Amino acid sequence: MLLVACSPEGGAEARGDARVSRDAVGDEVRREDTRPVVLFLGTSLTAGYGLPESEAFPARIQARIDAAGLDYRVVNAGVSGDTSAGGLRRLDWLLRLPVAVLVLELGANDMLRGQGVDALRANLEAIVDRTRAAHPDARIVIAGMRAAPNLGPDYARAFDAVYPELAERAGAALVPFLLEDVAARRELNQADGIHPTADGHARIAERIWQTLEPVLQERVGSDRVLDPH
């Protein structure tokens, strides 16, 4: 299946569709809402490029969390054009939030720029390690990506393997391919053929929720054991 991901050119400010800038995260830190955070760290796929924020899959996950009666708030830290190195650079600021779960969606732009797989792996591992250092009880969900075939079979095998290997190393939950059943389907992608439509985001949300809900429920159960009152 072909990779469908954010385009690599331009940053959040240039594209104008980043959901969480430094100032916005500062606002989140200062909020009186003390609910633990489900942090979505990613690219324009997470940001919901071309769509109202309410139609991006993180917002749809918040709706599912609320419907399930779970006490979490979603923070959408998707930035268009971001690479794994960019995500790592802005991570410390984001970790000021009370992160309970990190959903990590990075790497597509690394691939589109032909960047090395070893650097991608190192950056993602550092993101997981820093998150756990700041929030030892945080759970991790890895959103997998797949390489475009035009980069060659050797690169594709190495790239595709990063995500399951990282999940195994980190003891994290894995969404094997974020865009399963969405990539390369014209009716589920915008006119650019790259970014999912609202219906595409609905499918992505469903796929993520299948993995995320048990993680949230397990964490709630652990908290009740630690604090039975």
C-alpha atoms as a PDB file:
ATOM      1  CA  MET A   1       0.000   0.000   0.000  1.00  0.00           C
ATOM      2  CA  LEU A   2       1.270   3.491  -0.836  1.00  0.00           C
ATOM      3  CA  LEU A   3       2.114   5.835   1.989  1.00  0.00           C
ATOM      4  CA  VAL A   4      -0.145   8.838   2.328  1.00  0.00           C
ATOM      5  CA  ALA A   5       1.277  11.432   4.673  1.00  0.00           C
ATOM      6  CA  CYS A   6       1.851  15.116   5.176  1.00  0.00           C
ATOM      7  CA  SER A   7       3.929  16.957   2.632  1.00  0.00           C
ATOM      8  CA  PRO A   8       7.416  17.778   3.861  1.00  0.00           C
ATOM      9  CA  GLU A   9       7.691  21.367   2.822  1.00  0.00           C
ATOM     10  CA  GLY A  10       6.890  24.235   5.138  1.00  0.00           C
ATOM     11  CA  GLY A  11       6.440  24.394   8.849  1.00  0.00           C
ATOM     12  CA  ALA A  12       3.447  24.919  11.073  1.00  0.00           C
ATOM     13  CA  GLU A  13       3.595  28.687  11.001  1.00  0.00           C
ATOM     14  CA  ALA A  14       3.994  28.807   7.214  1.00  0.00           C
ATOM     15  CA  ARG A  15       1.146  26.395   6.645  1.00  0.00           C
ATOM     16  CA  GLY A  16      -1.069  27.977   9.299  1.00  0.00           C
ATOM     17  CA  ASP A  17      -2.683  24.767  10.535  1.00  0.00           C
ATOM     18  CA  ALA A  18      -0.692  23.691  13.613  1.00  0.00           C
ATOM     19  CA  ARG A  19      -3.052  22.923  16.462  1.00  0.00           C
ATOM     20  CA  VAL A  20      -0.591  23.421  19.308  1.00  0.00           C
ATOM     21  CA  SER A  21       2.004  26.164  19.086  1.00  0.00           C
ATOM     22  CA  ARG A  22       4.291  27.076  21.960  1.00  0.00           C
ATOM     23  CA  ASP A  23       1.799  29.707  23.161  1.00  0.00           C
ATOM     24  CA  ALA A  24      -1.105  27.290  22.896  1.00  0.00           C
ATOM     25  CA  VAL A  25       0.724  24.682  24.935  1.00  0.00           C
ATOM     26  CA  GLY A  26       1.486  27.365  27.491  1.00  0.00           C
ATOM     27  CA  ASP A  27      -2.245  27.996  27.697  1.00  0.00           C
ATOM     28  CA  GLU A  28      -2.800  24.275  28.203  1.00  0.00           C
ATOM     29  CA  VAL A  29      -0.236  24.204  31.019  1.00  0.00           C
ATOM     30  CA  ARG A  30      -1.963  27.088  32.741  1.00  0.00           C
ATOM     31  CA  ARG A  31      -5.454  25.655  32.438  1.00  0.00           C
ATOM     32  CA  GLU A  32      -7.309  24.759  35.599  1.00  0.00           C
ATOM     33  CA  ASP A  33      -8.348  21.506  33.948  1.00  0.00           C
ATOM     34  CA  THR A  34      -6.279  18.972  35.859  1.00  0.00           C
ATOM     35  CA  ARG A  35      -7.364  15.901  33.934  1.00  0.00           C
ATOM     36  CA  PRO A  36      -4.494  13.717  32.733  1.00  0.00           C
ATOM     37  CA  VAL A  37      -3.567  14.369  29.116  1.00  0.00           C
ATOM     38  CA  VAL A  38      -3.604  12.129  26.085  1.00  0.00           C
ATOM     39  CA  LEU A  39      -0.940  13.843  23.989  1.00  0.00           C
ATOM     40  CA  PHE A  40      -1.007  13.333  20.218  1.00  0.00           C
ATOM     41  CA  LEU A  41       2.447  14.213  18.883  1.00  0.00           C
ATOM     42  CA  GLY A  42       2.531  14.167  15.125  1.00  0.00           C
ATOM     43  CA  THR A  43       2.404  15.697  11.677  1.00  0.00           C
ATOM     44  CA  SER A  44      -0.341  17.271   9.589  1.00  0.00           C
ATOM     45  CA  LEU A  45      -2.166  13.949   9.793  1.00  0.00           C
ATOM     46  CA  THR A  46      -2.624  14.556  13.514  1.00  0.00           C
ATOM     47  CA  ALA A  47      -3.172  18.289  13.054  1.00  0.00           C
ATOM     48  CA  GLY A  48      -6.072  17.581  10.692  1.00  0.00           C
ATOM     49  CA  TYR A  49      -4.709  19.536   7.768  1.00  0.00           C
ATOM     50  CA  GLY A  50      -7.442  21.189   5.684  1.00  0.00           C
ATOM     51  CA  LEU A  51     -10.218  20.411   8.155  1.00  0.00           C
ATOM     52  CA  PRO A  52     -11.870  22.071  11.138  1.00  0.00           C
ATOM     53  CA  GLU A  53     -10.144  20.975  14.330  1.00  0.00           C
ATOM     54  CA  SER A  54     -13.327  19.201  15.421  1.00  0.00           C
ATOM     55  CA  GLU A  55     -13.059  16.801  12.461  1.00  0.00           C
ATOM     56  CA  ALA A  56      -9.438  15.748  13.048  1.00  0.00           C
ATOM     57  CA  PHE A  57      -9.031  12.334  14.612  1.00  0.00           C
ATOM     58  CA  PRO A  58      -7.710  13.606  17.981  1.00  0.00           C
ATOM     59  CA  ALA A  59     -10.925  15.575  18.502  1.00  0.00           C
ATOM     60  CA  ARG A  60     -12.933  12.493  17.569  1.00  0.00           C
ATOM     61  CA  ILE A  61     -10.938  10.534  20.144  1.00  0.00           C
ATOM     62  CA  GLN A  62     -11.852  13.149  22.777  1.00  0.00           C
ATOM     63  CA  ALA A  63     -15.509  12.593  21.929  1.00  0.00           C
ATOM     64  CA  ARG A  64     -15.073   8.845  22.411  1.00  0.00           C
ATOM     65  CA  ILE A  65     -13.246   9.383  25.692  1.00  0.00           C
ATOM     66  CA  ASP A  66     -16.092  11.577  26.931  1.00  0.00           C
ATOM     67  CA  ALA A  67     -18.733   9.103  25.780  1.00  0.00           C
ATOM     68  CA  ALA A  68     -16.920   6.321  27.640  1.00  0.00           C
ATOM     69  CA  GLY A  69     -16.909   8.361  30.836  1.00  0.00           C
ATOM     70  CA  LEU A  70     -13.110   8.425  31.015  1.00  0.00           C
ATOM     71  CA  ASP A  71     -11.433  11.359  32.736  1.00  0.00           C
ATOM     72  CA  TYR A  72      -8.856  12.444  30.154  1.00  0.00           C
ATOM     73  CA  ARG A  73      -8.348  15.437  27.911  1.00  0.00           C
ATOM     74  CA  VAL A  74      -6.770  15.262  24.469  1.00  0.00           C
ATOM     75  CA  VAL A  75      -4.071  17.707  23.405  1.00  0.00           C
ATOM     76  CA  ASN A  76      -3.443  17.827  19.663  1.00  0.00           C
ATOM     77  CA  ALA A  77       0.256  18.557  19.108  1.00  0.00           C
ATOM     78  CA  GLY A  78       0.252  17.898  15.386  1.00  0.00           C
ATOM     79  CA  VAL A  79       2.431  20.204  13.270  1.00  0.00           C
ATOM     80  CA  SER A  80       2.450  20.181   9.478  1.00  0.00           C
ATOM     81  CA  GLY A  81       5.747  19.202   7.916  1.00  0.00           C
ATOM     82  CA  ASP A  82       7.221  18.031  11.201  1.00  0.00           C
ATOM     83  CA  THR A  83       9.881  15.351  11.300  1.00  0.00           C
ATOM     84  CA  SER A  84      10.919  13.085  14.133  1.00  0.00           C
ATOM     85  CA  ALA A  85      13.731  15.542  14.911  1.00  0.00           C
ATOM     86  CA  GLY A  86      11.245  18.402  15.059  1.00  0.00           C
ATOM     87  CA  GLY A  87       8.996  16.464  17.392  1.00  0.00           C
ATOM     88  CA  LEU A  88      11.939  15.744  19.654  1.00  0.00           C
ATOM     89  CA  ARG A  89      12.947  19.418  19.710  1.00  0.00           C
ATOM     90  CA  ARG A  90       9.531  20.566  20.928  1.00  0.00           C
ATOM     91  CA  LEU A  91       8.913  17.669  23.279  1.00  0.00           C
ATOM     92  CA  ASP A  92      10.255  19.185  26.504  1.00  0.00           C
ATOM     93  CA  TRP A  93       7.750  22.022  26.287  1.00  0.00           C
ATOM     94  CA  LEU A  94       4.918  19.573  25.751  1.00  0.00           C
ATOM     95  CA  LEU A  95       6.025  17.446  28.687  1.00  0.00           C
ATOM     96  CA  ARG A  96       5.067  20.285  31.013  1.00  0.00           C
ATOM     97  CA  LEU A  97       1.570  18.897  30.559  1.00  0.00           C
ATOM     98  CA  PRO A  98       0.382  16.069  32.847  1.00  0.00           C
ATOM     99  CA  VAL A  99       0.899  13.436  30.156  1.00  0.00           C
ATOM    100  CA  ALA A 100      -0.813  10.120  30.879  1.00  0.00           C
ATOM    101  CA  VAL A 101      -0.627   8.694  27.350  1.00  0.00           C
ATOM    102  CA  LEU A 102       1.561   9.670  24.415  1.00  0.00           C
ATOM    103  CA  VAL A 103       0.269   8.780  20.956  1.00  0.00           C
ATOM    104  CA  LEU A 104       3.331   9.093  18.717  1.00  0.00           C
ATOM    105  CA  GLU A 105       2.742   9.731  15.000  1.00  0.00           C
ATOM    106  CA  LEU A 106       6.005  10.827  13.403  1.00  0.00           C
ATOM    107  CA  GLY A 107       8.263   9.648  10.626  1.00  0.00           C
ATOM    108  CA  ALA A 108       6.298  10.164   7.427  1.00  0.00           C
ATOM    109  CA  ASN A 109       8.113  13.391   6.627  1.00  0.00           C
ATOM    110  CA  ASP A 110      11.464  11.812   7.444  1.00  0.00           C
ATOM    111  CA  MET A 111      10.668   9.215   4.798  1.00  0.00           C
ATOM    112  CA  LEU A 112       9.409  11.733   2.243  1.00  0.00           C
ATOM    113  CA  ARG A 113      12.682  13.639   2.623  1.00  0.00           C
ATOM    114  CA  GLY A 114      14.708  10.464   2.277  1.00  0.00           C
ATOM    115  CA  GLN A 115      16.227  10.858   5.714  1.00  0.00           C
ATOM    116  CA  GLY A 116      18.049   7.966   7.318  1.00  0.00           C
ATOM    117  CA  VAL A 117      16.162   5.265   9.156  1.00  0.00           C
ATOM    118  CA  ASP A 118      18.750   5.113  11.951  1.00  0.00           C
ATOM    119  CA  ALA A 119      18.168   8.783  12.767  1.00  0.00           C
ATOM    120  CA  LEU A 120      14.395   8.233  12.724  1.00  0.00           C
ATOM    121  CA  ARG A 121      14.728   5.317  15.116  1.00  0.00           C
ATOM    122  CA  ALA A 122      16.993   7.270  17.459  1.00  0.00           C
ATOM    123  CA  ASN A 123      14.646  10.259  17.533  1.00  0.00           C
ATOM    124  CA  LEU A 124      11.568   8.158  18.255  1.00  0.00           C
ATOM    125  CA  GLU A 125      13.378   6.243  20.974  1.00  0.00           C
ATOM    126  CA  ALA A 126      14.491   9.527  22.535  1.00  0.00           C
ATOM    127  CA  ILE A 127      10.912  10.823  22.494  1.00  0.00           C
ATOM    128  CA  VAL A 128       9.691   7.719  24.306  1.00  0.00           C
ATOM    129  CA  ASP A 129      12.562   7.803  26.793  1.00  0.00           C
ATOM    130  CA  ARG A 130      12.128  11.496  27.605  1.00  0.00           C
ATOM    131  CA  THR A 131       8.397  11.051  28.036  1.00  0.00           C
ATOM    132  CA  ARG A 132       8.905   8.211  30.484  1.00  0.00           C
ATOM    133  CA  ALA A 133      11.616  10.133  32.339  1.00  0.00           C
ATOM    134  CA  ALA A 134       9.230  13.057  32.839  1.00  0.00           C
ATOM    135  CA  HIS A 135       6.139  10.906  33.439  1.00  0.00           C
ATOM    136  CA  PRO A 136       7.172   7.424  34.631  1.00  0.00           C
ATOM    137  CA  ASP A 137       3.595   6.115  34.585  1.00  0.00           C
ATOM    138  CA  ALA A 138       2.837   7.358  31.078  1.00  0.00           C
ATOM    139  CA  ARG A 139       1.610   4.819  28.537  1.00  0.00           C
ATOM    140  CA  ILE A 140       2.812   4.935  24.937  1.00  0.00           C
ATOM    141  CA  VAL A 141       0.922   4.230  21.721  1.00  0.00           C
ATOM    142  CA  ILE A 142       2.980   4.019  18.517  1.00  0.00           C
ATOM    143  CA  ALA A 143       1.210   4.925  15.274  1.00  0.00           C
ATOM    144  CA  GLY A 144       3.011   3.033  12.521  1.00  0.00           C
ATOM    145  CA  MET A 145       3.757   4.274   9.030  1.00  0.00           C
ATOM    146  CA  ARG A 146       4.891   2.606   5.815  1.00  0.00           C
ATOM    147  CA  ALA A 147       7.419   3.742   3.270  1.00  0.00           C
ATOM    148  CA  ALA A 148       6.598   4.622  -0.297  1.00  0.00           C
ATOM    149  CA  PRO A 149       7.728   1.837  -2.673  1.00  0.00           C
ATOM    150  CA  ASN A 150       9.670   4.197  -4.925  1.00  0.00           C
ATOM    151  CA  LEU A 151      12.331   4.452  -2.209  1.00  0.00           C
ATOM    152  CA  GLY A 152      13.299   0.858  -2.815  1.00  0.00           C
ATOM    153  CA  PRO A 153      12.730  -2.403  -0.964  1.00  0.00           C
ATOM    154  CA  ASP A 154      15.718  -2.090   1.369  1.00  0.00           C
ATOM    155  CA  TYR A 155      14.666   1.325   2.638  1.00  0.00           C
ATOM    156  CA  ALA A 156      11.029   0.229   2.893  1.00  0.00           C
ATOM    157  CA  ARG A 157      11.881  -2.854   4.963  1.00  0.00           C
ATOM    158  CA  ALA A 158      14.072  -0.850   7.317  1.00  0.00           C
ATOM    159  CA  PHE A 159      11.569   1.998   7.656  1.00  0.00           C
ATOM    160  CA  ASP A 160       8.527  -0.209   8.161  1.00  0.00           C
ATOM    161  CA  ALA A 161      10.333  -2.209  10.850  1.00  0.00           C
ATOM    162  CA  VAL A 162      11.040   0.843  13.016  1.00  0.00           C
ATOM    163  CA  TYR A 163       7.552   1.020  14.477  1.00  0.00           C
ATOM    164  CA  PRO A 164       6.957  -2.580  15.631  1.00  0.00           C
ATOM    165  CA  GLU A 165      10.540  -2.733  16.899  1.00  0.00           C
ATOM    166  CA  LEU A 166      10.069   0.483  18.875  1.00  0.00           C
ATOM    167  CA  ALA A 167       6.769  -0.744  20.315  1.00  0.00           C
ATOM    168  CA  GLU A 168       8.389  -3.987  21.427  1.00  0.00           C
ATOM    169  CA  ARG A 169      11.396  -2.222  22.937  1.00  0.00           C
ATOM    170  CA  ALA A 170       9.216   0.279  24.790  1.00  0.00           C
ATOM    171  CA  GLY A 171       6.455  -2.093  25.826  1.00  0.00           C
ATOM    172  CA  ALA A 172       4.100   0.183  23.936  1.00  0.00           C
ATOM    173  CA  ALA A 173       0.815  -0.441  22.184  1.00  0.00           C
ATOM    174  CA  LEU A 174       1.038  -0.426  18.389  1.00  0.00           C
ATOM    175  CA  VAL A 175      -1.261   0.731  15.624  1.00  0.00           C
ATOM    176  CA  PRO A 176       0.508  -1.141  12.793  1.00  0.00           C
ATOM    177  CA  PHE A 177      -0.396   1.348  10.043  1.00  0.00           C
ATOM    178  CA  LEU A 178      -2.248   4.545  10.887  1.00  0.00           C
ATOM    179  CA  LEU A 179      -3.683   4.935   7.386  1.00  0.00           C
ATOM    180  CA  GLU A 180      -4.905   1.377   6.876  1.00  0.00           C
ATOM    181  CA  ASP A 181      -8.030   1.445   4.674  1.00  0.00           C
ATOM    182  CA  VAL A 182      -7.549   5.204   4.120  1.00  0.00           C
ATOM    183  CA  ALA A 183      -4.318   5.566   2.138  1.00  0.00           C
ATOM    184  CA  ALA A 184      -4.717   5.714  -1.654  1.00  0.00           C
ATOM    185  CA  ARG A 185      -8.534   5.733  -1.445  1.00  0.00           C
ATOM    186  CA  ARG A 186      -9.644   8.772  -3.409  1.00  0.00           C
ATOM    187  CA  GLU A 187     -12.980   9.136  -1.621  1.00  0.00           C
ATOM    188  CA  LEU A 188     -11.252   9.280   1.788  1.00  0.00           C
ATOM    189  CA  ASN A 189      -8.612  11.835   0.863  1.00  0.00           C
ATOM    190  CA  GLN A 190      -8.684  15.511  -0.009  1.00  0.00           C
ATOM    191  CA  ALA A 191      -8.002  16.827  -3.492  1.00  0.00           C
ATOM    192  CA  ASP A 192      -4.259  16.735  -2.899  1.00  0.00           C
ATOM    193  CA  GLY A 193      -4.484  12.950  -2.611  1.00  0.00           C
ATOM    194  CA  ILE A 194      -2.417  13.182   0.554  1.00  0.00           C
ATOM    195  CA  HIS A 195      -4.480  14.366   3.506  1.00  0.00           C
ATOM    196  CA  PRO A 196      -7.570  12.466   4.685  1.00  0.00           C
ATOM    197  CA  THR A 197     -11.038  13.920   4.502  1.00  0.00           C
ATOM    198  CA  ALA A 198     -13.360  14.076   7.501  1.00  0.00           C
ATOM    199  CA  ASP A 199     -14.521  10.557   6.654  1.00  0.00           C
ATOM    200  CA  GLY A 200     -10.902   9.448   6.462  1.00  0.00           C
ATOM    201  CA  HIS A 201     -10.231  10.910   9.901  1.00  0.00           C
ATOM    202  CA  ALA A 202     -13.276   9.094  11.235  1.00  0.00           C
ATOM    203  CA  ARG A 203     -11.740   5.807  10.090  1.00  0.00           C
ATOM    204  CA  ILE A 204      -8.389   6.723  11.592  1.00  0.00           C
ATOM    205  CA  ALA A 205     -10.082   7.555  14.889  1.00  0.00           C
ATOM    206  CA  GLU A 206     -11.799   4.175  14.898  1.00  0.00           C
ATOM    207  CA  ARG A 207      -8.499   2.393  14.300  1.00  0.00           C
ATOM    208  CA  ILE A 208      -6.702   4.322  17.024  1.00  0.00           C
ATOM    209  CA  TRP A 209      -9.558   3.891  19.488  1.00  0.00           C
ATOM    210  CA  GLN A 210      -9.398   0.120  19.173  1.00  0.00           C
ATOM    211  CA  THR A 211      -5.840   0.314  20.514  1.00  0.00           C
ATOM    212  CA  LEU A 212      -6.130   3.323  22.796  1.00  0.00           C
ATOM    213  CA  GLU A 213      -9.264   2.428  24.742  1.00  0.00           C
ATOM    214  CA  PRO A 214      -7.752  -0.671  26.414  1.00  0.00           C
ATOM    215  CA  VAL A 215      -4.684   1.409  27.319  1.00  0.00           C
ATOM    216  CA  LEU A 216      -6.869   4.039  28.979  1.00  0.00           C
ATOM    217  CA  GLN A 217      -9.004   1.465  30.753  1.00  0.00           C
ATOM    218  CA  GLU A 218      -5.910  -0.345  32.029  1.00  0.00           C
ATOM    219  CA  ARG A 219      -4.482   2.904  33.345  1.00  0.00           C
ATOM    220  CA  VAL A 220      -7.743   3.734  35.121  1.00  0.00           C
ATOM    221  CA  GLY A 221      -7.707   0.280  36.685  1.00  0.00           C
ATOM    222  CA  SER A 222      -4.121   0.742  37.851  1.00  0.00           C
ATOM    223  CA  ASP A 223      -4.968   4.087  39.429  1.00  0.00           C
ATOM    224  CA  ARG A 224      -7.855   2.526  41.341  1.00  0.00           C
ATOM    225  CA  VAL A 225      -5.581  -0.178  42.717  1.00  0.00           C
ATOM    226  CA  LEU A 226      -3.066   2.432  43.854  1.00  0.00           C
ATOM    227  CA  ASP A 227      -5.757   4.675  45.346  1.00  0.00           C
ATOM    228  CA  PRO A 228      -8.737   2.501  46.349  1.00  0.00           C
ATOM    229  CA  HIS A 229     -10.474   5.455  47.974  1.00  0.00           C
END
